[in-house]
Amino acid sequence: MIRVGIIGSTGYAGQELVRILLQHPQAQIVWYGSRSYIDEKYADVYRNMFRLVDEKCMAEDMDQLSSEADVIFTATPQGLCASLVNVDILSKTKVIDLSADFRLKDVNIYEKWYGIEHKAPQFLGEAVYGLCEINREDIRGARLVANPGCYTTCSILTLYPLVKAGLIDPDSIIIDAKSGTSGAGRGAKLPNLFCEVNESIKAYSVAGHRHTPEIEEQLGYAAGRSLALTFTPHLVPMNRGILATCYAKLNNGADAEAVRAAYEACFADEYFIRLLPEGSLPETRWTEGSNFVDIGFKIDARTNRIVAIGAIDNLVKGAAGQAVQNMNLMFGLEENEGLKLVPLFP
């Protein structure tokens, strides 16, 4: 059994990790870490865990945990994992960080976009970006994995085959993305109160969202050069889900047949990526509660643009499910072990 510790187990992503790992045949949770609920029963924090989890929440002691767990998930705000991780910890256990601390390779870009000092830049070169469908082999041998964000996972996977195959102009990319409110975390925040979000939709962090450089960096690897794109997130009044509608100018010779061939070349053997048939477009409801990524596209011949659309559950493929997928790779398990989650409906 893989002994698992979770720091930040009482946040939305942390609770989703617990839900998935309780059903994982090769994993045992040995530490329910929480800063806000130390010594409180986990099932009192999340009543859906009543009679499923008897343990109490423990402190976020990464040093002690590294001696008790084979892998540590850190589902915490930006800055915490970088302030805790060190050479000794990484010599004893593996770390999968769900924050943005190790996603960007350039410490200056991280500090510019996140507005905080990076506490462990010495590990940026080692950390593997945990997008399994793209970096699978590097993840297998990693001891520190940077789990991608929800917007980035959906956007990158939707666009990566098109950029890699040279079918679109990377500098023409515009991403219009929508997220459910769970993407903002469980903390009490005025903008996320029911009356603030119900019956409304709004754009936020326009021309400045923190996931922008992450998307640019990863798509830049596919393009073989740096690129700049426009990313605009929106908050919609639903619990879960990401829908990324991506626009780009087609290069000469790119048609529907070439586009589908590019997606199939990248993703034909991927369990979690579902390329929809012609005429079908993704909806968040068909991925809810699962680790699937649904992708569809439509070519606008009038404007010579493609509209590529991706949908995921932000808490599963966009966070906890992807983290478990990374764990499976790191420990030599089948990649979909414990993750064959059928989407919930209605």
Protein backbone atom coordinates (compact mmCIF):
# COMPACT_ATOMS: atom_id res chain seq x y z
CA MET A 1 0.00 0.00 0.00
CA ILE A 2 1.11 3.54 -0.74
CA ARG A 3 1.07 5.57 2.48
CA VAL A 4 -0.44 8.96 1.67
CA GLY A 5 -0.32 12.21 3.61
CA ILE A 6 -2.42 15.22 2.68
CA ILE A 7 -1.56 18.74 3.77
CA GLY A 8 -4.60 20.93 3.23
CA SER A 9 -7.08 18.06 3.42
CA THR A 10 -9.97 20.31 4.50
CA GLY A 11 -10.02 22.49 1.38
CA TYR A 12 -12.14 21.57 -1.61
CA ALA A 13 -9.24 19.97 -3.53
CA GLY A 14 -8.03 18.26 -0.34
CA GLN A 15 -11.45 16.80 0.36
CA GLU A 16 -11.63 15.57 -3.23
CA LEU A 17 -8.27 13.87 -2.72
CA VAL A 18 -9.72 12.11 0.32
CA ARG A 19 -12.82 11.03 -1.60
CA ILE A 20 -10.77 9.55 -4.44
CA LEU A 21 -8.04 7.96 -2.30
CA LEU A 22 -10.54 6.25 0.01
CA GLN A 23 -11.61 4.25 -3.04
CA HIS A 24 -8.07 3.65 -4.34
CA PRO A 25 -7.10 -0.03 -3.94
CA GLN A 26 -3.39 0.72 -3.52
CA ALA A 27 -3.48 3.79 -1.24
CA GLN A 28 -3.92 4.37 2.49
CA ILE A 29 -4.31 7.87 3.93
CA VAL A 30 -2.14 8.19 7.04
CA TRP A 31 -2.34 11.94 7.64
CA TYR A 32 -5.23 14.38 7.30
CA GLY A 33 -3.41 17.71 7.56
CA SER A 34 -5.24 20.97 8.22
CA ARG A 35 -4.24 24.36 9.56
CA SER A 36 -7.78 25.39 10.58
CA TYR A 37 -9.19 22.19 12.11
CA ILE A 38 -6.36 20.62 14.13
CA ASP A 39 -7.65 17.89 16.50
CA GLU A 40 -11.17 18.08 15.07
CA LYS A 41 -12.64 14.93 13.53
CA TYR A 42 -12.39 15.01 9.77
CA ALA A 43 -15.95 13.74 9.45
CA ASP A 44 -17.16 16.73 11.48
CA VAL A 45 -15.63 19.04 8.89
CA TYR A 46 -17.06 17.07 5.96
CA ARG A 47 -20.16 15.13 6.97
CA ASN A 48 -20.08 13.13 3.74
CA MET A 49 -17.16 11.31 5.40
CA PHE A 50 -19.24 10.20 8.39
CA ARG A 51 -18.42 6.54 9.22
CA LEU A 52 -15.87 6.57 6.41
CA VAL A 53 -13.10 8.56 8.13
CA ASP A 54 -12.65 8.32 11.90
CA GLU A 55 -9.34 10.18 12.11
CA LYS A 56 -8.78 13.67 13.44
CA CYS A 57 -7.12 16.49 11.52
CA MET A 58 -3.43 16.93 12.23
CA ALA A 59 -1.01 19.83 11.93
CA GLU A 60 0.77 20.67 8.70
CA ASP A 61 4.06 19.14 9.88
CA MET A 62 5.77 18.19 6.65
CA ASP A 63 9.00 17.14 8.36
CA GLN A 64 7.29 14.51 10.51
CA LEU A 65 4.96 13.48 7.72
CA SER A 66 7.87 12.81 5.37
CA SER A 67 8.95 9.96 7.68
CA GLU A 68 5.47 8.43 7.71
CA ALA A 69 4.25 8.78 4.12
CA ASP A 70 5.45 7.53 0.77
CA VAL A 71 3.90 10.55 -0.92
CA ILE A 72 2.66 13.91 0.32
CA PHE A 73 -0.03 15.91 -1.43
CA THR A 74 0.05 19.63 -0.65
CA ALA A 75 -3.35 21.14 -1.44
CA THR A 76 -2.46 24.53 -0.03
CA PRO A 77 -2.29 28.20 -1.04
CA GLN A 78 0.66 29.51 -3.03
CA GLY A 79 3.87 29.82 -1.06
CA LEU A 80 3.32 27.19 1.63
CA CYS A 81 4.80 24.14 -0.08
CA ALA A 82 7.86 26.10 -1.21
CA SER A 83 8.38 27.29 2.36
CA LEU A 84 8.25 23.73 3.74
CA VAL A 85 9.96 21.48 1.21
CA ASN A 86 13.68 20.77 1.56
CA VAL A 87 16.35 18.28 0.52
CA ASP A 88 15.77 16.06 3.56
CA ILE A 89 12.04 15.78 2.89
CA LEU A 90 12.58 14.93 -0.78
CA SER A 91 15.14 12.28 0.18
CA LYS A 92 12.48 10.44 2.18
CA THR A 93 9.23 10.91 0.29
CA LYS A 94 7.67 12.15 -2.93
CA VAL A 95 5.74 15.43 -3.09
CA ILE A 96 2.85 16.33 -5.37
CA ASP A 97 2.10 20.04 -5.00
CA LEU A 98 -1.35 21.25 -6.06
CA SER A 99 -0.37 24.90 -5.72
CA ALA A 100 1.53 26.94 -8.31
CA ASP A 101 4.83 26.97 -6.41
CA PHE A 102 6.75 24.76 -8.85
CA ARG A 103 4.80 25.07 -12.09
CA LEU A 104 6.83 27.90 -13.61
CA LYS A 105 10.52 27.46 -14.38
CA ASP A 106 11.44 31.15 -14.14
CA VAL A 107 11.40 32.38 -10.55
CA ASN A 108 11.07 35.99 -11.72
CA ILE A 109 7.88 35.20 -13.62
CA TYR A 110 6.48 33.41 -10.58
CA GLU A 111 7.23 36.31 -8.26
CA LYS A 112 5.83 38.85 -10.74
CA TRP A 113 2.51 37.07 -11.27
CA TYR A 114 1.98 35.78 -7.72
CA GLY A 115 3.37 38.76 -5.87
CA ILE A 116 5.33 36.73 -3.31
CA GLU A 117 8.93 35.68 -2.88
CA HIS A 118 9.67 32.11 -3.89
CA LYS A 119 11.12 30.24 -0.91
CA ALA A 120 12.64 27.29 -2.77
CA PRO A 121 13.78 28.33 -6.28
CA GLN A 122 16.51 25.68 -6.14
CA PHE A 123 13.86 23.03 -6.86
CA LEU A 124 12.27 24.70 -9.90
CA GLY A 125 14.60 22.95 -12.33
CA GLU A 126 13.89 19.54 -10.83
CA ALA A 127 10.11 19.82 -10.49
CA VAL A 128 8.15 18.08 -13.23
CA TYR A 129 5.02 19.71 -14.60
CA GLY A 130 2.40 17.07 -13.85
CA LEU A 131 0.29 17.09 -16.99
CA CYS A 132 0.33 13.35 -17.49
CA GLU A 133 -0.73 13.23 -21.12
CA ILE A 134 2.26 15.38 -22.09
CA ASN A 135 4.98 14.68 -19.51
CA ARG A 136 4.27 11.06 -18.63
CA GLU A 137 7.81 9.69 -18.79
CA ASP A 138 9.33 12.52 -16.75
CA ILE A 139 6.63 12.11 -14.10
CA ARG A 140 7.46 8.43 -13.63
CA GLY A 141 10.91 9.24 -12.25
CA ALA A 142 10.04 12.43 -10.38
CA ARG A 143 10.17 13.06 -6.65
CA LEU A 144 8.58 16.55 -6.91
CA VAL A 145 5.61 17.10 -9.21
CA ALA A 146 3.88 20.42 -9.85
CA ASN A 147 0.23 19.55 -10.35
CA PRO A 148 -1.25 21.87 -13.01
CA GLY A 149 -4.11 24.26 -12.33
CA CYS A 150 -7.68 23.68 -13.49
CA TYR A 151 -7.86 26.42 -16.12
CA THR A 152 -4.43 25.44 -17.42
CA THR A 153 -5.18 21.73 -17.65
CA CYS A 154 -8.29 22.34 -19.71
CA SER A 155 -6.76 25.05 -21.91
CA ILE A 156 -3.42 23.33 -22.58
CA LEU A 157 -4.91 19.95 -23.44
CA THR A 158 -7.46 21.57 -25.74
CA LEU A 159 -4.80 23.49 -27.67
CA TYR A 160 -1.61 21.42 -27.38
CA PRO A 161 -2.12 19.16 -30.44
CA LEU A 162 -2.96 22.14 -32.64
CA VAL A 163 0.14 24.07 -31.57
CA LYS A 164 2.42 21.02 -31.77
CA ALA A 165 1.25 20.17 -35.29
CA GLY A 166 1.66 23.77 -36.46
CA LEU A 167 -1.99 24.06 -37.47
CA ILE A 168 -2.60 27.41 -35.76
CA ASP A 169 -0.80 30.69 -35.21
CA PRO A 170 0.11 30.49 -31.50
CA ASP A 171 0.17 34.27 -31.13
CA SER A 172 -3.47 34.48 -32.22
CA ILE A 173 -4.78 32.33 -29.35
CA ILE A 174 -7.64 33.69 -27.26
CA ILE A 175 -8.98 31.60 -24.39
CA ASP A 176 -12.39 32.40 -22.91
CA ALA A 177 -12.82 30.16 -19.87
CA LYS A 178 -15.60 29.66 -17.32
CA SER A 179 -15.28 28.11 -13.86
CA GLY A 180 -17.59 26.98 -11.11
CA THR A 181 -17.24 28.67 -7.73
CA SER A 182 -15.37 25.78 -6.08
CA GLY A 183 -12.35 26.87 -8.12
CA ALA A 184 -11.94 29.80 -5.72
CA GLY A 185 -11.51 27.51 -2.71
CA ARG A 186 -13.47 27.03 0.50
CA GLY A 187 -12.39 30.17 2.34
CA ALA A 188 -15.06 32.73 3.18
CA LYS A 189 -14.80 35.51 0.59
CA LEU A 190 -17.35 38.24 -0.10
CA PRO A 191 -17.24 37.87 -3.92
CA ASN A 192 -18.10 34.16 -3.59
CA LEU A 193 -21.17 34.47 -1.37
CA PHE A 194 -24.37 33.03 -2.83
CA CYS A 195 -26.03 36.40 -3.40
CA GLU A 196 -22.88 37.70 -5.09
CA VAL A 197 -22.62 34.93 -7.70
CA ASN A 198 -26.16 33.60 -8.15
CA GLU A 199 -27.96 34.68 -11.33
CA SER A 200 -24.80 36.35 -12.61
CA ILE A 201 -21.63 35.76 -14.60
CA LYS A 202 -18.53 37.91 -14.52
CA ALA A 203 -15.05 38.13 -15.94
CA TYR A 204 -12.23 38.60 -13.45
CA SER A 205 -8.45 39.11 -13.45
CA VAL A 206 -8.79 40.35 -17.03
CA ALA A 207 -5.42 40.56 -18.77
CA GLY A 208 -3.73 39.49 -15.55
CA HIS A 209 -4.81 36.04 -14.39
CA ARG A 210 -2.04 34.01 -12.76
CA HIS A 211 -2.61 30.99 -14.97
CA THR A 212 -1.66 32.95 -18.11
CA PRO A 213 2.13 32.42 -17.93
CA GLU A 214 1.61 28.75 -17.07
CA ILE A 215 -0.43 28.22 -20.24
CA GLU A 216 2.03 30.24 -22.31
CA GLU A 217 5.02 28.29 -20.99
CA GLN A 218 3.57 24.86 -21.71
CA LEU A 219 2.20 25.75 -25.14
CA GLY A 220 5.53 27.42 -25.86
CA TYR A 221 7.22 24.03 -25.46
CA ALA A 222 4.82 22.62 -28.06
CA ALA A 223 5.49 25.53 -30.42
CA GLY A 224 9.23 25.43 -29.90
CA ARG A 225 9.29 29.14 -29.06
CA SER A 226 7.82 31.63 -26.63
CA LEU A 227 4.33 32.94 -27.30
CA ALA A 228 1.79 35.39 -25.91
CA LEU A 229 -1.93 34.73 -25.68
CA THR A 230 -5.08 36.29 -24.25
CA PHE A 231 -6.71 34.45 -21.35
CA THR A 232 -9.93 35.66 -19.73
CA PRO A 233 -11.56 33.67 -16.92
CA HIS A 234 -15.19 33.98 -15.87
CA LEU A 235 -17.02 32.92 -12.71
CA VAL A 236 -20.36 31.20 -13.25
CA PRO A 237 -22.93 30.16 -10.62
CA MET A 238 -22.30 26.42 -10.54
CA ASN A 239 -20.36 24.24 -8.11
CA ARG A 240 -17.97 22.46 -10.44
CA GLY A 241 -16.60 22.57 -13.93
CA ILE A 242 -14.30 24.34 -16.36
CA LEU A 243 -15.27 25.16 -19.93
CA ALA A 244 -12.48 26.64 -22.05
CA THR A 245 -13.48 28.04 -25.43
CA CYS A 246 -10.29 28.64 -27.39
CA TYR A 247 -9.98 30.67 -30.60
CA ALA A 248 -7.02 30.74 -32.98
CA LYS A 249 -6.19 31.59 -36.58
CA LEU A 250 -5.62 28.57 -38.79
CA ASN A 251 -2.40 28.27 -40.73
CA ASN A 252 -2.46 27.53 -44.46
CA GLY A 253 -3.54 23.99 -45.23
CA ALA A 254 -5.22 23.35 -41.91
CA ASP A 255 -8.67 21.84 -42.28
CA ALA A 256 -11.02 19.70 -40.19
CA GLU A 257 -9.35 16.49 -41.30
CA ALA A 258 -5.89 17.74 -40.33
CA VAL A 259 -7.18 19.01 -36.98
CA ARG A 260 -8.80 15.70 -36.07
CA ALA A 261 -5.66 13.84 -37.15
CA ALA A 262 -3.58 16.06 -34.86
CA TYR A 263 -5.81 15.34 -31.87
CA GLU A 264 -5.78 11.62 -32.59
CA ALA A 265 -2.00 11.58 -32.97
CA CYS A 266 -1.64 13.07 -29.49
CA PHE A 267 -4.55 11.54 -27.63
CA ALA A 268 -5.81 8.42 -29.40
CA ASP A 269 -4.52 6.14 -26.62
CA GLU A 270 -5.36 8.43 -23.70
CA TYR A 271 -7.93 6.95 -21.33
CA PHE A 272 -8.98 10.27 -19.85
CA ILE A 273 -9.25 12.36 -23.03
CA ARG A 274 -12.45 11.98 -25.01
CA LEU A 275 -12.35 13.57 -28.46
CA LEU A 276 -15.99 14.07 -29.32
CA PRO A 277 -17.42 13.12 -32.72
CA GLU A 278 -18.00 15.77 -35.36
CA GLY A 279 -20.99 17.93 -34.49
CA SER A 280 -20.68 17.39 -30.72
CA LEU A 281 -19.24 19.96 -28.37
CA PRO A 282 -18.27 19.57 -24.69
CA GLU A 283 -20.47 20.45 -21.73
CA THR A 284 -19.27 20.54 -18.14
CA ARG A 285 -22.18 18.37 -16.94
CA TRP A 286 -20.84 15.37 -18.85
CA THR A 287 -17.50 15.42 -17.01
CA GLU A 288 -18.72 16.25 -13.49
CA GLY A 289 -17.18 14.06 -10.78
CA SER A 290 -14.79 12.39 -13.24
CA ASN A 291 -11.20 12.67 -14.44
CA PHE A 292 -12.22 12.96 -18.07
CA VAL A 293 -11.38 15.77 -20.48
CA ASP A 294 -13.94 16.26 -23.24
CA ILE A 295 -12.70 18.08 -26.35
CA GLY A 296 -14.53 19.21 -29.47
CA PHE A 297 -13.92 21.74 -32.22
CA LYS A 298 -15.56 23.68 -35.01
CA ILE A 299 -13.82 25.41 -37.91
CA ASP A 300 -15.14 28.81 -38.92
CA ALA A 301 -14.29 28.92 -42.61
CA ARG A 302 -15.57 32.48 -42.90
CA THR A 303 -12.93 33.86 -40.53
CA ASN A 304 -10.32 31.09 -41.05
CA ARG A 305 -10.37 30.40 -37.33
CA ILE A 306 -10.84 27.32 -35.20
CA VAL A 307 -12.99 27.24 -32.10
CA ALA A 308 -11.67 24.44 -29.88
CA ILE A 309 -13.56 23.68 -26.67
CA GLY A 310 -12.56 21.65 -23.63
CA ALA A 311 -14.48 20.68 -20.50
CA ILE A 312 -13.31 19.18 -17.21
CA ASP A 313 -14.30 18.91 -13.56
CA ASN A 314 -12.06 21.50 -11.93
CA LEU A 315 -11.75 19.53 -8.67
CA VAL A 316 -10.96 16.19 -10.31
CA LYS A 317 -8.94 16.45 -13.54
CA GLY A 318 -8.26 20.06 -12.61
CA ALA A 319 -6.83 19.18 -9.19
CA ALA A 320 -7.23 16.00 -7.10
CA GLY A 321 -7.85 13.45 -9.85
CA GLN A 322 -4.86 14.64 -11.81
CA ALA A 323 -2.76 14.51 -8.64
CA VAL A 324 -3.74 10.86 -8.11
CA GLN A 325 -3.02 10.18 -11.78
CA ASN A 326 0.47 11.58 -11.14
CA MET A 327 0.83 9.40 -8.05
CA ASN A 328 -0.07 6.31 -10.06
CA LEU A 329 2.67 7.08 -12.56
CA MET A 330 5.25 7.81 -9.86
CA PHE A 331 4.61 4.44 -8.17
CA GLY A 332 4.39 2.30 -11.30
CA LEU A 333 0.64 1.69 -11.14
CA GLU A 334 -1.85 1.70 -13.96
CA GLU A 335 -2.50 5.37 -14.69
CA ASN A 336 -6.26 5.08 -14.20
CA GLU A 337 -6.04 3.06 -10.95
CA GLY A 338 -8.71 4.37 -8.60
CA LEU A 339 -9.81 6.93 -11.18
CA LYS A 340 -12.35 5.10 -13.29
CA LEU A 341 -14.97 7.52 -12.04
CA VAL A 342 -18.18 7.62 -14.05
CA PRO A 343 -19.36 11.23 -14.52
CA LEU A 344 -22.29 12.21 -12.31
CA PHE A 345 -25.64 13.13 -13.86
CA PRO A 346 -27.90 14.88 -13.18
